[in-house]
Protein backbone atom coordinates (compact mmCIF):
# COMPACT_ATOMS: atom_id res chain seq x y z
CA MET A 1 80.23 206.58 154.40
CA GLN A 2 82.35 209.30 152.57
CA ALA A 3 83.61 207.70 148.99
CA LYS A 4 87.01 207.17 149.56
CA GLU A 5 85.75 204.04 152.05
CA ILE A 6 83.69 202.74 149.53
CA ARG A 7 86.22 202.91 146.65
CA GLU A 8 88.70 200.85 149.23
CA LEU A 9 85.48 197.71 149.01
CA SER A 10 85.73 195.33 146.92
CA VAL A 11 82.82 194.33 144.57
CA ASP A 12 81.36 191.77 147.16
CA GLU A 13 81.54 194.14 150.15
CA LEU A 14 79.86 196.59 147.26
CA ALA A 15 76.99 194.77 146.82
CA MET A 16 75.98 193.74 150.39
CA ARG A 17 76.75 197.49 151.03
CA GLU A 18 74.23 198.17 148.76
CA ARG A 19 70.99 195.23 150.13
CA GLU A 20 71.85 196.33 153.79
CA LEU A 21 70.96 200.54 152.27
CA LYS A 22 68.17 199.37 149.62
CA GLU A 23 66.48 197.38 153.17
CA SER A 24 67.21 200.13 155.21
CA LEU A 25 65.30 202.81 152.36
CA PHE A 26 62.73 201.08 152.05
CA MET A 27 62.37 200.99 156.10
CA LEU A 28 63.20 204.76 156.28
CA LYS A 29 60.60 205.34 153.36
CA LEU A 30 57.71 203.45 155.14
CA ARG A 31 59.11 204.69 158.53
CA GLN A 32 57.91 208.67 156.88
CA GLY A 33 54.19 207.61 155.59
CA THR A 34 53.69 206.56 158.86
CA ASN A 35 54.69 209.61 161.22
CA GLN A 36 57.31 207.46 161.97
CA LEU A 37 60.66 208.74 160.81
CA GLU A 38 62.48 211.12 163.64
CA SER A 39 65.07 212.67 161.08
CA SER A 40 64.05 212.66 157.38
CA ALA A 41 68.32 213.70 156.82
CA ARG A 42 69.18 210.19 157.82
CA LEU A 43 65.88 209.29 154.43
CA LEU A 44 68.74 211.69 152.07
CA GLN A 45 72.25 210.14 153.87
CA THR A 46 71.34 206.64 152.61
CA LYS A 47 70.15 208.11 149.51
CA ARG A 48 73.29 209.48 148.65
CA ASP A 49 75.75 206.68 149.91
CA LEU A 50 73.68 204.63 147.56
CA ALA A 51 73.96 206.67 144.77
CA ARG A 52 77.46 206.81 145.42
CA ILE A 53 78.07 202.99 145.25
CA HIS A 54 76.37 203.02 141.74
CA THR A 55 78.30 205.80 140.42
CA ILE A 56 81.77 203.77 142.20
CA ARG A 57 80.44 200.19 140.50
CA ARG A 58 80.25 201.96 136.93
CA GLU A 59 83.16 203.46 137.52
CA ARG A 60 84.47 200.74 137.67
CA GLU A 61 82.85 198.46 135.17
CA LEU A 62 83.72 201.40 132.14
CA SER A 63 87.18 200.66 133.85
CA ASN A 64 87.38 197.35 133.10
CA ARG A 65 86.06 197.65 129.79
CA LYS A 66 89.34 198.81 128.61
């Protein structure tokens, strides 16, 4: 998911997407621990998407303070 796409989401949609990514990350880590993970790149991509969401939420929070 690109940052541009994330910026278009509402606050509620961001929270929902964040929750989904956290669940997905948990499942991927579980699969990695049991050697059932097909692609480690998916784990990295999920982490990056989650970081993008956190960054954009923080940007919005700081812009609302001003």
